[in-house]
Amino acid sequence: MPELIDLHPENLGHANWLQLDQKSMPVLSVKQIRAMEQAAFSHIDSFLLMQAAGVRSALKIVDQIAHSETHATRCLVLAGPGNNGGDACIVAGELKRKGLHVDLLQVTEGKQGSKDRMQAVLWALAHGVQPIEIESGMSLPEIGMGTVIVDGLLGIACDRAPQGLIERLIQQINAHRHLARVYALDCPSGLNCDTGSAPGAAVQAHTTFSYLACKHGLLSDQGKGLCGELWIDTLNCDALLETRGANTVKWGLVVQAVSRLDQLQRLPRRNHEHHKGSFGSLAVLGGQRGMVGACLLSARTALMLGCGRVALTLLNEEDMHLPDIQHQGQTPFLDLVFPEIMNKGLQSNLEFADTVVIGPGLGQNDEALNMVHALLEHDKGLNMVWDADALNLLAANSALRMRLEHYRRKHRSKSLVLTPHPLEAARLLQSTTEMIQADRVKAAQSLASQFDCTVVLKGTGSLICKPNQIEINTTGGPALATAGSGDVLAGAIAAMLGQGLDEFKAASFAVYLHGLSLEPLAGEREFLYVSHASEIAGRMKRWLNHLLGQSARRYG
């Protein structure tokens, strides 16, 4: 029978570094990482894991600086009082063994440290590195051009602002980051690895090495920017995650990050025999006076991403019954850029559609509320994406919530996707934005359970969640923070629903594609940092065609 953990002194340096898009992988909370560590310690010596983390990180650093334009003249390794500091001591010893000049500075704060932490100091000594204890009254280390800094000050359990000497060291690192190359061990010091927030000073790393698994905070909030280039090594403990089924209660629901290859498997099929009716009929409902553009963005995006037919119902139309017919004094809305987008009365559109987006530009007045009720009172069951003001109305109106629950019971086979940002999620859960951000996974699970649907909790590291499954998105960037970006996403999800994807896959793939639109396409070199919603939609179309070109699913 093969060993559960294939880790031995002989393979300490045999790393299997992965980046997020290379392979689908779990993303764990601190509690889950601790459970994984305890499971590992029942099979192997804990110091062996520390050795593997340190040796492999050092070898990765050596490999990277050997191929850099300017070779490092000095390695400054900062070791804190905990086991993260032990990892740093191992790194220091291995860097020294590879012939580099190494200064190892310890901040023990008078603490003895764990047995593994003390053994790691002996490892460094055995390899010719003499640790220097740095104390509050001492000068901070100088950081010159080309310095390699290894951050092992604070580990993944950090949940408060660093203070004293450690805070000063973090500030020193960040002040000289432009001169150096900063590597963080397991996580940047000062980062909360559950929430991704930094309650005080936090190291801004160029590269982060995450051990055993990726952590929530490295993909969320400030964490994604602080960790820089992210590499993950399971330390040969993959089998522990595969056998966690017996301890589901201890582990809880595990978040997954899905690779590009696995997202490709979710592409909608486009066979030769398909026609426009094969790719869905979408109704976009909303568009108060002055807010028609939000509906247009959803409708245009859905068309660009392959939806067969799209029609609007706009609240600002004076005649809700026959807007296709020109009456004296009335000018029905026509999108001159996308004349393929039809314009229908509400009841006509509900009969026409199999999928609905409701909320973009909807507003929260009585007419908006009546439109939402009309959707839920229509006998025909529809796949639905609820966004923006539809969510705000749902949060503020208990009768509407009861009506939606009744609709869900009546049309079990139909899809429902809610797409709240943190403030909308807080309103739906009668909570605060701060509480939502403090535990995004719990918030997404609560919403998915309450409404028996798939929820997209938007933000850095958007979560896609249904009651028994949750994923975190790994694409995206600050260019998505623009007016109308959410309307584009709502249209994209609806387009995927219309083309036959189930609600979870439709939401996950659309969110992935939304973020992917910022990455360079063929012939481009730069990542997109500033954009606008219409450009994002157009780039999503180009990326979808590129992905279809890589996949057999373009012809089934």
Protein backbone atom coordinates (compact mmCIF):
# COMPACT_ATOMS: atom_id res chain seq x y z
CA MET A 1 0.00 0.00 0.00
CA PRO A 2 1.50 3.41 -0.96
CA GLU A 3 2.35 5.83 1.84
CA LEU A 4 -0.17 8.57 2.54
CA ILE A 5 2.60 11.21 2.61
CA ASP A 6 5.46 10.55 0.23
CA LEU A 7 8.04 12.74 1.99
CA HIS A 8 11.50 11.54 3.02
CA PRO A 9 14.89 13.15 3.72
CA GLU A 10 15.98 12.09 0.23
CA ASN A 11 13.29 14.09 -1.59
CA LEU A 12 13.32 17.30 0.45
CA GLY A 13 14.41 19.28 -2.60
CA HIS A 14 12.04 17.63 -5.07
CA ALA A 15 9.50 20.42 -5.17
CA ASN A 16 6.31 20.43 -7.19
CA TRP A 17 5.64 24.16 -7.36
CA LEU A 18 2.36 25.05 -9.04
CA GLN A 19 0.60 28.26 -9.93
CA LEU A 20 -3.14 28.61 -9.71
CA ASP A 21 -4.02 28.36 -13.39
CA GLN A 22 -1.93 25.22 -13.92
CA LYS A 23 -4.09 22.85 -11.91
CA SER A 24 -7.38 22.95 -10.02
CA MET A 25 -6.64 22.92 -6.30
CA PRO A 26 -8.17 23.45 -2.86
CA VAL A 27 -7.96 26.83 -1.16
CA LEU A 28 -8.04 26.40 2.61
CA SER A 29 -8.86 28.45 5.67
CA VAL A 30 -6.37 28.67 8.52
CA LYS A 31 -8.48 26.20 10.50
CA GLN A 32 -8.40 23.73 7.60
CA ILE A 33 -4.62 24.16 7.22
CA ARG A 34 -4.22 23.38 10.92
CA ALA A 35 -6.35 20.26 10.50
CA MET A 36 -4.19 19.23 7.56
CA GLU A 37 -1.02 19.78 9.58
CA GLN A 38 -2.31 17.63 12.42
CA ALA A 39 -3.24 14.89 9.98
CA ALA A 40 0.26 15.09 8.49
CA PHE A 41 1.99 14.96 11.89
CA SER A 42 0.34 11.61 12.59
CA HIS A 43 2.24 10.17 9.61
CA ILE A 44 5.59 12.01 9.53
CA ASP A 45 7.87 14.03 11.78
CA SER A 46 6.79 17.68 11.87
CA PHE A 47 10.37 18.91 11.40
CA LEU A 48 10.52 17.04 8.09
CA LEU A 49 7.69 19.24 6.78
CA MET A 50 9.56 22.34 7.97
CA GLN A 51 12.72 21.13 6.26
CA ALA A 52 10.90 20.46 3.01
CA ALA A 53 9.27 23.91 3.03
CA GLY A 54 12.57 25.68 3.74
CA VAL A 55 14.80 23.69 1.39
CA ARG A 56 12.38 23.89 -1.52
CA SER A 57 11.84 27.62 -1.03
CA ALA A 58 15.59 28.24 -0.97
CA LEU A 59 16.11 26.22 -4.16
CA LYS A 60 13.29 28.15 -5.86
CA ILE A 61 14.90 31.45 -4.82
CA VAL A 62 18.29 30.34 -6.13
CA ASP A 63 16.72 29.30 -9.42
CA GLN A 64 14.96 32.65 -9.81
CA ILE A 65 17.88 34.91 -8.91
CA ALA A 66 20.26 32.88 -11.11
CA HIS A 67 18.09 33.88 -14.08
CA SER A 68 17.57 37.50 -13.05
CA GLU A 69 19.27 40.41 -14.75
CA THR A 70 21.13 41.44 -11.60
CA HIS A 71 22.56 38.73 -9.37
CA ALA A 72 21.90 39.20 -5.68
CA THR A 73 24.83 40.46 -3.64
CA ARG A 74 23.23 39.60 -0.30
CA CYS A 75 20.42 37.55 1.20
CA LEU A 76 18.70 39.04 4.24
CA VAL A 77 16.60 36.41 6.02
CA LEU A 78 14.20 37.62 8.73
CA ALA A 79 12.99 34.96 11.15
CA GLY A 80 10.17 35.61 13.60
CA PRO A 81 9.49 33.77 16.86
CA GLY A 82 7.09 31.14 15.49
CA ASN A 83 7.42 28.19 13.14
CA ASN A 84 7.37 30.55 10.19
CA GLY A 85 10.69 31.76 11.58
CA GLY A 86 11.79 28.12 11.60
CA ASP A 87 11.07 27.90 7.87
CA ALA A 88 13.23 31.02 7.43
CA CYS A 89 16.16 29.45 9.33
CA ILE A 90 16.04 26.43 7.03
CA VAL A 91 15.99 28.76 4.00
CA ALA A 92 19.01 30.62 5.36
CA GLY A 93 21.00 27.41 5.80
CA GLU A 94 20.19 26.16 2.32
CA LEU A 95 21.00 29.51 0.68
CA LYS A 96 24.35 29.47 2.47
CA ARG A 97 24.98 25.92 1.29
CA LYS A 98 24.39 27.14 -2.28
CA GLY A 99 27.19 29.66 -1.89
CA LEU A 100 25.26 32.86 -1.23
CA HIS A 101 26.10 35.50 1.37
CA VAL A 102 23.40 35.18 4.04
CA ASP A 103 22.51 37.34 7.05
CA LEU A 104 19.97 35.69 9.35
CA LEU A 105 18.25 38.11 11.73
CA GLN A 106 16.02 36.66 14.44
CA VAL A 107 13.19 38.35 16.32
CA THR A 108 12.35 35.96 19.16
CA GLU A 109 10.78 38.55 21.52
CA GLY A 110 12.14 36.52 24.43
CA LYS A 111 10.19 33.43 23.37
CA GLN A 112 11.88 30.06 23.31
CA GLY A 113 9.93 28.81 20.33
CA SER A 114 8.78 25.30 19.48
CA LYS A 115 11.03 22.26 19.32
CA ASP A 116 10.99 22.47 15.52
CA ARG A 117 11.84 26.17 15.63
CA MET A 118 14.90 25.49 17.82
CA GLN A 119 15.95 22.57 15.64
CA ALA A 120 15.79 24.86 12.59
CA VAL A 121 18.30 27.22 14.25
CA LEU A 122 20.65 24.27 14.68
CA TRP A 123 20.19 23.46 10.98
CA ALA A 124 21.23 27.01 10.06
CA LEU A 125 24.27 26.81 12.37
CA ALA A 126 25.27 23.46 10.88
CA HIS A 127 25.33 25.09 7.44
CA GLY A 128 27.52 27.99 8.55
CA VAL A 129 24.87 30.62 9.28
CA GLN A 130 25.16 32.45 12.60
CA PRO A 131 21.76 33.89 13.65
CA ILE A 132 21.84 37.46 14.96
CA GLU A 133 19.24 38.42 17.54
CA ILE A 134 17.78 41.82 16.70
CA GLU A 135 16.17 43.77 19.54
CA SER A 136 14.14 46.95 19.85
CA GLY A 137 17.02 49.32 20.52
CA MET A 138 19.14 48.12 17.60
CA SER A 139 19.41 49.72 14.16
CA LEU A 140 17.32 48.21 11.41
CA PRO A 141 19.20 46.25 8.72
CA GLU A 142 20.37 48.15 5.68
CA ILE A 143 18.84 47.09 2.37
CA GLY A 144 20.86 47.80 -0.76
CA MET A 145 20.34 47.28 -4.47
CA GLY A 146 19.85 43.63 -5.41
CA THR A 147 19.24 42.38 -1.87
CA VAL A 148 17.14 39.23 -1.59
CA ILE A 149 14.83 39.55 1.43
CA VAL A 150 13.19 36.45 2.89
CA ASP A 151 10.19 37.27 5.07
CA GLY A 152 9.62 34.70 7.81
CA LEU A 153 8.46 37.13 10.50
CA LEU A 154 4.81 36.17 10.97
CA GLY A 155 2.85 33.11 9.86
CA ILE A 156 -0.66 32.39 8.71
CA ALA A 157 -2.22 32.83 12.17
CA CYS A 158 -1.71 36.63 12.15
CA ASP A 159 -5.06 38.30 12.90
CA ARG A 160 -3.97 41.60 14.43
CA ALA A 161 -1.75 44.52 13.50
CA PRO A 162 1.98 43.84 13.96
CA GLN A 163 3.60 45.97 16.64
CA GLY A 164 7.00 47.04 17.89
CA LEU A 165 10.11 45.72 16.19
CA ILE A 166 8.24 43.48 13.73
CA GLU A 167 6.13 46.42 12.56
CA ARG A 168 9.29 48.48 12.03
CA LEU A 169 10.95 45.67 10.08
CA ILE A 170 7.91 45.35 7.82
CA GLN A 171 7.96 49.08 7.17
CA GLN A 172 11.70 48.88 6.41
CA ILE A 173 11.12 46.09 3.89
CA ASN A 174 8.36 48.00 2.13
CA ALA A 175 10.34 51.24 2.06
CA HIS A 176 13.21 49.51 0.22
CA ARG A 177 11.15 47.09 -1.85
CA HIS A 178 12.13 48.87 -5.08
CA LEU A 179 15.78 47.96 -4.44
CA ALA A 180 15.25 44.37 -3.40
CA ARG A 181 13.48 41.12 -4.25
CA VAL A 182 11.08 40.16 -1.44
CA TYR A 183 10.08 36.54 -0.86
CA ALA A 184 7.36 35.72 1.71
CA LEU A 185 7.25 32.28 3.31
CA ASP A 186 3.70 30.87 3.48
CA CYS A 187 2.19 34.38 3.48
CA PRO A 188 3.28 38.02 3.64
CA SER A 189 3.78 38.96 7.30
CA GLY A 190 0.88 41.02 8.63
CA LEU A 191 -1.73 39.49 6.31
CA ASN A 192 -4.83 37.79 7.72
CA CYS A 193 -4.85 34.53 5.78
CA ASP A 194 -8.59 34.00 6.24
CA THR A 195 -9.91 37.40 5.17
CA GLY A 196 -7.10 38.79 3.01
CA SER A 197 -7.14 42.01 5.02
CA ALA A 198 -4.09 43.63 6.56
CA PRO A 199 -5.11 45.16 9.91
CA GLY A 200 -1.79 47.05 10.10
CA ALA A 201 1.59 47.00 8.39
CA ALA A 202 2.02 44.07 5.97
CA VAL A 203 4.89 42.96 3.78
CA GLN A 204 4.41 43.67 0.10
CA ALA A 205 6.13 40.67 -1.44
CA HIS A 206 7.27 40.11 -4.99
CA THR A 207 6.81 36.33 -4.55
CA THR A 208 4.97 34.22 -1.99
CA PHE A 209 5.52 30.51 -1.36
CA SER A 210 2.42 28.85 0.09
CA TYR A 211 2.84 25.45 1.75
CA LEU A 212 0.41 22.49 1.85
CA ALA A 213 -2.28 24.47 0.00
CA CYS A 214 -3.26 27.95 -1.08
CA LYS A 215 -4.99 30.04 1.62
CA HIS A 216 -8.16 32.10 1.29
CA GLY A 217 -6.44 35.36 2.18
CA LEU A 218 -3.87 35.08 -0.61
CA LEU A 219 -6.66 35.46 -3.18
CA SER A 220 -8.93 37.92 -1.37
CA ASP A 221 -9.06 41.63 -0.58
CA GLN A 222 -5.54 43.08 -0.05
CA GLY A 223 -3.91 39.66 -0.06
CA LYS A 224 -3.88 39.27 -3.83
CA GLY A 225 -1.83 42.43 -4.20
CA LEU A 226 0.43 41.78 -1.22
CA CYS A 227 1.51 38.26 -2.14
CA GLY A 228 2.76 39.11 -5.66
CA GLU A 229 3.64 36.05 -7.73
CA LEU A 230 2.11 33.04 -5.97
CA TRP A 231 3.60 29.53 -5.91
CA ILE A 232 2.09 26.55 -4.06
CA ASP A 233 3.79 23.33 -2.96
CA THR A 234 1.75 20.66 -1.16
CA LEU A 235 4.95 19.20 0.37
CA ASN A 236 3.86 15.77 -0.91
CA CYS A 237 0.74 15.85 1.28
CA ASP A 238 -1.83 15.81 -1.55
CA ALA A 239 -3.30 12.50 -0.41
CA LEU A 240 -4.40 14.05 2.89
CA LEU A 241 -6.92 16.21 1.03
CA GLU A 242 -8.09 13.28 -1.07
CA THR A 243 -8.85 11.25 2.07
CA ARG A 244 -10.53 14.02 4.08
CA GLY A 245 -13.99 12.56 3.40
CA ALA A 246 -13.94 10.67 6.68
CA ASN A 247 -13.41 13.97 8.52
CA THR A 248 -15.86 16.18 6.64
CA VAL A 249 -17.15 17.76 9.86
CA LYS A 250 -13.63 18.78 10.88
CA TRP A 251 -12.72 20.10 7.43
CA GLY A 252 -16.01 21.73 6.47
CA LEU A 253 -16.73 22.76 2.88
CA VAL A 254 -13.48 23.18 0.96
CA VAL A 255 -13.15 26.06 -1.50
CA GLN A 256 -11.74 25.14 -4.93
CA ALA A 257 -9.72 27.21 -7.38
CA VAL A 258 -10.39 25.94 -10.91
CA SER A 259 -7.67 25.88 -13.56
CA ARG A 260 -8.05 27.14 -17.12
CA LEU A 261 -7.99 23.57 -18.43
CA ASP A 262 -10.93 22.60 -16.24
CA GLN A 263 -12.78 25.82 -17.09
CA LEU A 264 -12.38 24.86 -20.77
CA GLN A 265 -14.44 21.77 -20.03
CA ARG A 266 -17.32 24.11 -19.15
CA LEU A 267 -17.40 25.89 -22.49
CA PRO A 268 -20.84 25.82 -24.11
CA ARG A 269 -21.04 23.46 -27.06
CA ARG A 270 -21.50 24.99 -30.50
CA ASN A 271 -22.35 22.29 -33.04
CA HIS A 272 -22.92 22.73 -36.77
CA GLU A 273 -26.59 21.80 -36.48
CA HIS A 274 -27.30 24.44 -33.84
CA HIS A 275 -29.45 27.48 -34.64
CA LYS A 276 -30.28 30.67 -32.74
CA GLY A 277 -32.95 28.87 -30.74
CA SER A 278 -30.30 26.48 -29.47
CA PHE A 279 -28.44 29.25 -27.67
CA GLY A 280 -31.19 30.73 -25.54
CA SER A 281 -33.69 33.58 -25.58
CA LEU A 282 -32.91 36.24 -23.01
CA ALA A 283 -35.08 38.96 -21.51
CA VAL A 284 -33.33 41.85 -19.76
CA LEU A 285 -35.67 43.69 -17.41
CA GLY A 286 -34.97 47.10 -15.87
CA GLY A 287 -33.92 50.44 -17.29
CA GLN A 288 -35.46 53.32 -15.37
CA ARG A 289 -35.18 56.69 -17.05
CA GLY A 290 -31.51 57.66 -17.04
CA MET A 291 -30.37 54.08 -16.37
CA VAL A 292 -31.11 52.33 -19.66
CA GLY A 293 -27.37 51.88 -20.25
CA ALA A 294 -27.17 49.21 -17.53
CA CYS A 295 -29.71 47.05 -19.38
CA LEU A 296 -27.89 47.64 -22.65
CA LEU A 297 -24.60 46.44 -21.21
CA SER A 298 -26.20 43.19 -20.03
CA ALA A 299 -28.02 42.66 -23.32
CA ARG A 300 -25.02 43.46 -25.52
CA THR A 301 -22.74 41.21 -23.49
CA ALA A 302 -25.16 38.30 -23.74
CA LEU A 303 -25.28 38.69 -27.54
CA MET A 304 -21.52 38.94 -27.84
CA LEU A 305 -21.06 35.80 -25.76
CA GLY A 306 -23.28 33.65 -27.94
CA CYS A 307 -26.86 34.09 -26.70
CA GLY A 308 -29.23 33.35 -29.58
CA ARG A 309 -31.81 36.12 -29.06
CA VAL A 310 -32.02 39.06 -26.67
CA ALA A 311 -34.90 41.44 -25.91
CA LEU A 312 -35.26 44.38 -23.54
CA THR A 313 -38.16 45.50 -21.41
CA LEU A 314 -37.47 49.02 -20.20
CA LEU A 315 -39.30 50.77 -17.39
CA ASN A 316 -38.72 54.13 -19.04
CA GLU A 317 -40.86 53.16 -22.05
CA GLU A 318 -44.17 55.02 -21.81
CA ASP A 319 -46.20 52.12 -23.18
CA MET A 320 -45.34 48.78 -21.56
CA HIS A 321 -47.63 46.78 -23.82
CA LEU A 322 -46.68 47.42 -27.43
CA PRO A 323 -43.34 49.23 -27.61
CA ASP A 324 -42.58 47.58 -30.98
CA ILE A 325 -45.43 49.61 -32.53
CA GLN A 326 -44.88 53.27 -33.28
CA HIS A 327 -47.61 55.36 -31.66
CA GLN A 328 -47.97 59.07 -32.15
CA GLY A 329 -45.71 60.87 -29.67
CA GLN A 330 -43.91 57.66 -28.67
CA THR A 331 -40.45 56.54 -29.76
CA PRO A 332 -39.67 52.96 -28.72
CA PHE A 333 -36.08 52.44 -27.74
CA LEU A 334 -33.72 51.09 -30.41
CA ASP A 335 -30.07 50.23 -29.85
CA LEU A 336 -28.51 51.56 -33.05
CA VAL A 337 -25.18 49.87 -32.33
CA PHE A 338 -26.81 46.49 -31.67
CA PRO A 339 -30.10 46.56 -33.61
CA GLU A 340 -30.34 42.77 -33.05
CA ILE A 341 -31.55 43.57 -29.54
CA MET A 342 -35.34 43.52 -29.59
CA ASN A 343 -37.67 45.66 -27.49
CA LYS A 344 -40.76 43.98 -26.07
CA GLY A 345 -43.50 44.58 -23.55
CA LEU A 346 -43.14 42.80 -20.23
CA GLN A 347 -45.65 39.97 -20.73
CA SER A 348 -44.55 39.45 -24.32
CA ASN A 349 -40.92 39.25 -23.21
CA LEU A 350 -41.68 36.74 -20.46
CA GLU A 351 -43.40 34.52 -23.01
CA PHE A 352 -40.49 34.94 -25.42
CA ALA A 353 -37.64 34.20 -22.99
CA ASP A 354 -36.20 31.12 -21.33
CA THR A 355 -33.72 33.18 -19.28
CA VAL A 356 -34.12 36.53 -17.53
CA VAL A 357 -31.71 39.13 -16.16
CA ILE A 358 -33.47 41.45 -13.74
CA GLY A 359 -31.96 44.36 -11.86
CA PRO A 360 -29.66 46.43 -14.11
CA GLY A 361 -30.92 50.03 -14.00
CA LEU A 362 -34.09 48.80 -12.29
CA GLY A 363 -34.32 51.31 -9.46
CA GLN A 364 -36.27 50.71 -6.27
CA ASN A 365 -39.57 52.54 -6.82
CA ASP A 366 -43.05 51.02 -7.03
CA GLU A 367 -42.80 50.41 -10.77
CA ALA A 368 -39.59 48.45 -10.25
CA LEU A 369 -41.15 46.37 -7.48
CA ASN A 370 -44.20 45.67 -9.68
CA MET A 371 -41.93 44.44 -12.47
CA VAL A 372 -40.19 41.97 -10.14
CA HIS A 373 -43.54 40.70 -8.84
CA ALA A 374 -44.81 40.33 -12.42
CA LEU A 375 -41.81 38.14 -13.22
CA LEU A 376 -42.47 35.88 -10.24
CA GLU A 377 -46.22 35.70 -10.88
CA HIS A 378 -45.80 34.59 -14.48
CA ASP A 379 -46.79 30.93 -14.89
CA LYS A 380 -43.83 30.05 -17.07
CA GLY A 381 -40.71 29.01 -15.17
CA LEU A 382 -37.59 30.89 -16.25
CA ASN A 383 -33.89 30.69 -15.51
CA MET A 384 -33.05 33.91 -13.68
CA VAL A 385 -30.07 36.12 -12.84
CA TRP A 386 -30.82 38.68 -10.11
CA ASP A 387 -28.48 41.65 -9.95
CA ALA A 388 -28.20 45.18 -8.56
CA ASP A 389 -31.53 46.76 -7.52
CA ALA A 390 -33.41 43.47 -7.81
CA LEU A 391 -31.27 42.32 -4.88
CA ASN A 392 -31.88 45.54 -2.97
CA LEU A 393 -35.64 45.14 -3.41
CA LEU A 394 -35.38 41.53 -2.27
CA ALA A 395 -33.48 42.59 0.84
CA ALA A 396 -36.01 45.30 1.74
CA ASN A 397 -39.25 43.44 1.04
CA SER A 398 -40.21 40.33 3.02
CA ALA A 399 -43.25 39.69 0.80
CA LEU A 400 -41.00 39.60 -2.26
CA ARG A 401 -38.68 37.16 -0.51
CA MET A 402 -41.64 34.86 0.27
CA ARG A 403 -42.81 35.12 -3.33
CA LEU A 404 -39.36 34.12 -4.60
CA GLU A 405 -39.29 31.12 -2.23
CA HIS A 406 -42.68 30.03 -3.59
CA TYR A 407 -41.42 30.45 -7.15
CA ARG A 408 -38.37 28.30 -6.40
CA ARG A 409 -40.52 25.51 -4.96
CA LYS A 410 -42.79 25.61 -7.98
CA HIS A 411 -39.98 25.68 -10.59
CA ARG A 412 -37.34 23.43 -9.03
CA SER A 413 -35.68 22.63 -12.34
CA LYS A 414 -35.00 26.27 -13.21
CA SER A 415 -31.79 28.11 -12.41
CA LEU A 416 -31.38 31.06 -10.06
CA VAL A 417 -28.14 33.04 -9.73
CA LEU A 418 -27.76 36.00 -7.36
CA THR A 419 -24.81 38.35 -7.95
CA PRO A 420 -24.38 40.61 -4.89
CA HIS A 421 -21.40 42.78 -4.09
CA PRO A 422 -20.54 42.89 -0.34
CA LEU A 423 -22.94 45.73 0.50
CA GLU A 424 -25.85 44.00 -1.28
CA ALA A 425 -24.93 40.75 0.49
CA ALA A 426 -24.97 42.61 3.82
CA ARG A 427 -28.48 43.92 3.09
CA LEU A 428 -29.72 40.45 2.14
CA LEU A 429 -28.28 38.95 5.34
CA GLN A 430 -29.21 41.95 7.54
CA SER A 431 -25.55 42.35 8.36
CA THR A 432 -22.74 44.82 7.64
CA THR A 433 -20.17 44.99 4.88
CA GLU A 434 -17.42 44.54 7.48
CA MET A 435 -18.98 41.30 8.72
CA ILE A 436 -19.42 40.00 5.18
CA GLN A 437 -15.77 40.70 4.35
CA ALA A 438 -14.62 39.16 7.63
CA ASP A 439 -15.99 35.77 6.53
CA ARG A 440 -16.89 35.83 2.84
CA VAL A 441 -17.16 32.06 2.61
CA LYS A 442 -19.74 31.92 5.41
CA ALA A 443 -21.70 34.79 3.85
CA ALA A 444 -21.80 33.14 0.42
CA GLN A 445 -22.87 29.83 1.96
CA SER A 446 -25.61 31.54 3.98
CA LEU A 447 -27.06 33.24 0.90
CA ALA A 448 -26.88 30.08 -1.22
CA SER A 449 -28.64 28.11 1.50
CA GLN A 450 -31.32 30.72 2.22
CA PHE A 451 -32.31 31.15 -1.42
CA ASP A 452 -31.50 27.62 -2.61
CA CYS A 453 -29.48 28.97 -5.51
CA THR A 454 -26.02 29.79 -6.81
CA VAL A 455 -24.50 32.97 -5.42
CA VAL A 456 -21.69 35.04 -6.89
CA LEU A 457 -20.26 37.12 -4.06
CA LYS A 458 -18.30 39.71 -6.02
CA GLY A 459 -14.99 41.27 -5.06
CA THR A 460 -11.32 40.34 -5.15
CA GLY A 461 -11.46 36.56 -5.24
CA SER A 462 -15.15 36.40 -6.18
CA LEU A 463 -16.84 33.37 -4.63
CA ILE A 464 -19.20 31.14 -6.60
CA CYS A 465 -21.28 29.14 -4.17
CA LYS A 466 -24.21 26.75 -3.98
CA PRO A 467 -25.19 24.94 -0.78
CA ASN A 468 -22.76 22.03 -1.26
CA GLN A 469 -20.05 23.51 -3.50
CA ILE A 470 -17.89 26.62 -3.52
CA GLU A 471 -15.17 28.00 -5.80
CA ILE A 472 -12.98 31.08 -5.71
CA ASN A 473 -12.15 32.95 -8.89
CA THR A 474 -8.49 33.56 -9.66
CA THR A 475 -8.76 36.01 -12.57
CA GLY A 476 -9.43 39.74 -12.59
CA GLY A 477 -7.90 42.99 -11.45
CA PRO A 478 -8.57 46.66 -10.69
CA ALA A 479 -9.78 47.38 -14.24
CA LEU A 480 -13.03 45.59 -13.35
CA ALA A 481 -13.76 48.29 -10.77
CA THR A 482 -15.72 50.46 -13.18
CA ALA A 483 -19.36 51.44 -13.67
CA GLY A 484 -21.33 48.78 -15.53
CA SER A 485 -18.86 45.96 -14.93
CA GLY A 486 -21.47 44.09 -12.85
CA ASP A 487 -24.08 44.53 -15.59
CA VAL A 488 -21.66 42.94 -18.05
CA LEU A 489 -21.15 39.99 -15.68
CA ALA A 490 -24.90 39.49 -15.24
CA GLY A 491 -25.35 39.34 -19.02
CA ALA A 492 -22.46 36.89 -19.31
CA ILE A 493 -23.96 34.51 -16.74
CA ALA A 494 -27.31 34.66 -18.52
CA ALA A 495 -25.62 33.91 -21.86
CA MET A 496 -24.05 30.78 -20.41
CA LEU A 497 -27.37 29.68 -18.90
CA GLY A 498 -29.06 30.18 -22.27
CA GLN A 499 -26.45 27.97 -23.94
CA GLY A 500 -27.18 25.06 -21.65
CA LEU A 501 -24.72 25.29 -18.75
CA ASP A 502 -26.10 24.49 -15.32
CA GLU A 503 -26.31 27.46 -12.97
CA PHE A 504 -23.10 26.78 -11.04
CA LYS A 505 -20.94 26.17 -14.12
CA ALA A 506 -22.53 29.11 -15.92
CA ALA A 507 -21.74 31.45 -13.04
CA SER A 508 -18.22 30.11 -12.50
CA PHE A 509 -17.23 30.24 -16.16
CA ALA A 510 -18.72 33.72 -16.67
CA VAL A 511 -16.87 35.09 -13.62
CA TYR A 512 -13.64 33.48 -14.84
CA LEU A 513 -14.08 34.93 -18.34
CA HIS A 514 -14.94 38.34 -16.88
CA GLY A 515 -11.57 38.46 -15.12
CA LEU A 516 -9.71 36.83 -17.98
CA SER A 517 -10.72 39.74 -20.22
CA LEU A 518 -8.02 41.85 -18.54
CA GLU A 519 -5.20 39.53 -19.58
CA PRO A 520 -3.23 40.09 -22.79
CA LEU A 521 -4.63 38.56 -25.97
CA ALA A 522 -2.55 37.46 -28.94
CA GLY A 523 -0.36 40.36 -30.08
CA GLU A 524 -0.77 42.22 -26.79
CA ARG A 525 1.86 42.52 -24.07
CA GLU A 526 0.20 44.47 -21.27
CA PHE A 527 -2.33 43.41 -18.65
CA LEU A 528 -5.32 45.77 -18.57
CA TYR A 529 -5.23 48.12 -15.55
CA VAL A 530 -7.80 50.73 -16.65
CA SER A 531 -10.86 49.91 -18.72
CA HIS A 532 -14.60 50.49 -19.07
CA ALA A 533 -17.54 48.11 -19.15
CA SER A 534 -18.12 48.09 -22.92
CA GLU A 535 -14.45 47.29 -23.55
CA ILE A 536 -14.58 44.48 -20.99
CA ALA A 537 -17.56 42.94 -22.79
CA GLY A 538 -15.78 43.13 -26.14
CA ARG A 539 -12.65 41.52 -24.72
CA MET A 540 -14.73 38.76 -23.17
CA LYS A 541 -16.04 37.94 -26.64
CA ARG A 542 -12.49 37.79 -28.05
CA TRP A 543 -11.31 35.60 -25.19
CA LEU A 544 -14.32 33.27 -25.58
CA ASN A 545 -13.53 32.81 -29.27
CA HIS A 546 -9.89 32.16 -28.37
CA LEU A 547 -10.88 29.50 -25.81
CA LEU A 548 -13.32 27.90 -28.24
CA GLY A 549 -10.50 27.77 -30.76
CA GLN A 550 -8.49 25.74 -28.25
CA SER A 551 -11.33 23.37 -27.48
CA ALA A 552 -13.08 20.58 -29.34
CA ARG A 553 -16.35 21.89 -27.85
CA ARG A 554 -16.62 24.44 -30.67
CA TYR A 555 -17.82 21.50 -32.81
CA GLY A 556 -19.12 19.32 -30.02
